[in-house]
Amino acid sequence: MDPATRLEQVCDVEAMRRINRDHRRFKIDRSVVSALAEPRAKGDTLIGKGAAFRSKGKWYQYSFTCRAAPGRLRVLSFEYKLGYEIPETQWSQHGLYQ
């Protein structure tokens, strides 16, 4: 797997883990860091303003900063801010699904 894809995947997994832990009302089963806007990478750090996660059949926007270890196999720090619920009418344009 190429390093850019590995960074996105490790940050997706960390987002699900962290948000589920911090906000018990969510039951996240999917995260897409590039859902609404492409994140930007700076070394081993990925910064995104248009990420989305799915919980209980609904999608929600979030922004994040994810710093991974060299090799991009584990996350060293992850900060995020929850956003709005994404209306179902917008799901298809962003490649989101039920």
Protein backbone atom coordinates (compact mmCIF):
# COMPACT_ATOMS: atom_id res chain seq x y z
CA MET A 1 0.00 0.00 0.00
CA ASP A 2 1.36 3.41 -0.88
CA PRO A 3 2.25 5.78 2.01
CA ALA A 4 -0.52 8.30 1.22
CA THR A 5 -3.23 5.63 1.30
CA ARG A 6 -1.78 4.14 4.48
CA LEU A 7 -1.88 7.57 6.17
CA GLU A 8 -5.55 8.04 5.22
CA GLN A 9 -6.48 4.58 6.46
CA VAL A 10 -4.69 4.86 9.79
CA CYS A 11 -6.38 8.24 10.35
CA ASP A 12 -9.81 6.81 9.40
CA VAL A 13 -9.43 4.04 11.96
CA GLU A 14 -8.26 6.47 14.65
CA ALA A 15 -11.20 8.80 13.95
CA MET A 16 -13.68 5.97 14.49
CA ARG A 17 -11.93 4.80 17.64
CA ARG A 18 -11.59 8.26 19.16
CA ILE A 19 -15.05 9.62 18.33
CA ASN A 20 -16.75 6.41 19.52
CA ARG A 21 -14.82 6.64 22.77
CA ASP A 22 -15.49 10.35 23.36
CA HIS A 23 -19.14 10.43 22.26
CA ARG A 24 -21.08 7.38 23.38
CA ARG A 25 -24.18 8.43 21.43
CA PHE A 26 -22.40 7.51 18.19
CA LYS A 27 -21.79 3.98 16.94
CA ILE A 28 -19.44 4.71 14.07
CA ASP A 29 -18.98 1.97 11.50
CA ARG A 30 -17.33 3.98 8.70
CA SER A 31 -15.12 7.04 8.32
CA VAL A 32 -13.97 8.74 5.12
CA VAL A 33 -11.35 11.45 5.63
CA SER A 34 -11.77 12.62 2.03
CA ALA A 35 -15.59 12.59 1.84
CA LEU A 36 -16.41 16.27 1.37
CA ALA A 37 -12.95 17.67 0.62
CA GLU A 38 -9.51 16.23 0.03
CA PRO A 39 -7.31 16.37 3.12
CA ARG A 40 -3.81 17.74 2.81
CA ALA A 41 -0.70 15.95 3.91
CA LYS A 42 2.32 17.63 5.41
CA GLY A 43 4.92 14.98 6.08
CA ASP A 44 3.32 12.37 8.35
CA THR A 45 0.45 14.71 9.29
CA LEU A 46 -2.93 14.71 7.56
CA ILE A 47 -5.26 17.71 7.95
CA GLY A 48 -8.85 17.58 6.78
CA LYS A 49 -11.85 19.86 6.93
CA GLY A 50 -14.24 17.67 4.95
CA ALA A 51 -14.18 14.26 6.60
CA ALA A 52 -17.34 12.29 7.36
CA PHE A 53 -18.35 9.36 9.53
CA ARG A 54 -21.44 7.15 9.52
CA SER A 55 -23.29 6.35 12.73
CA LYS A 56 -26.65 4.58 12.98
CA GLY A 57 -27.30 5.09 9.27
CA LYS A 58 -26.56 8.84 9.23
CA TRP A 59 -23.45 10.73 8.07
CA TYR A 60 -21.78 13.54 10.00
CA GLN A 61 -19.04 15.96 9.00
CA TYR A 62 -15.86 16.44 11.03
CA SER A 63 -12.50 18.15 10.69
CA PHE A 64 -9.27 16.73 12.03
CA THR A 65 -5.50 16.82 12.36
CA CYS A 66 -3.89 13.39 12.47
CA ARG A 67 -0.15 12.95 13.09
CA ALA A 68 1.24 9.49 12.39
CA ALA A 69 4.55 7.87 13.25
CA PRO A 70 7.13 7.56 10.49
CA GLY A 71 6.02 4.57 8.43
CA ARG A 72 2.41 5.64 9.02
CA LEU A 73 1.39 2.49 10.86
CA ARG A 74 0.16 4.16 14.04
CA VAL A 75 -1.22 7.53 15.11
CA LEU A 76 0.76 9.70 17.52
CA SER A 77 -1.89 12.40 17.97
CA PHE A 78 -5.41 13.00 16.72
CA GLU A 79 -7.48 16.14 17.22
CA TYR A 80 -10.95 16.63 15.76
CA LYS A 81 -14.01 18.81 15.79
CA LEU A 82 -17.49 17.46 15.07
CA GLY A 83 -19.60 19.25 12.51
CA TYR A 84 -23.09 18.98 11.13
CA GLU A 85 -25.24 16.04 10.06
CA ILE A 86 -24.95 15.66 6.29
CA PRO A 87 -28.40 15.65 4.66
CA GLU A 88 -29.25 12.43 2.84
CA THR A 89 -29.90 14.47 -0.32
CA GLN A 90 -26.13 15.20 -0.44
CA TRP A 91 -24.87 11.66 0.15
CA SER A 92 -24.65 10.55 -3.48
CA GLN A 93 -22.66 13.60 -4.60
CA HIS A 94 -20.01 12.73 -2.00
CA GLY A 95 -20.03 8.96 -2.55
CA LEU A 96 -21.66 8.30 0.81
CA TYR A 97 -24.17 5.49 1.20
CA GLN A 98 -26.63 3.95 3.66
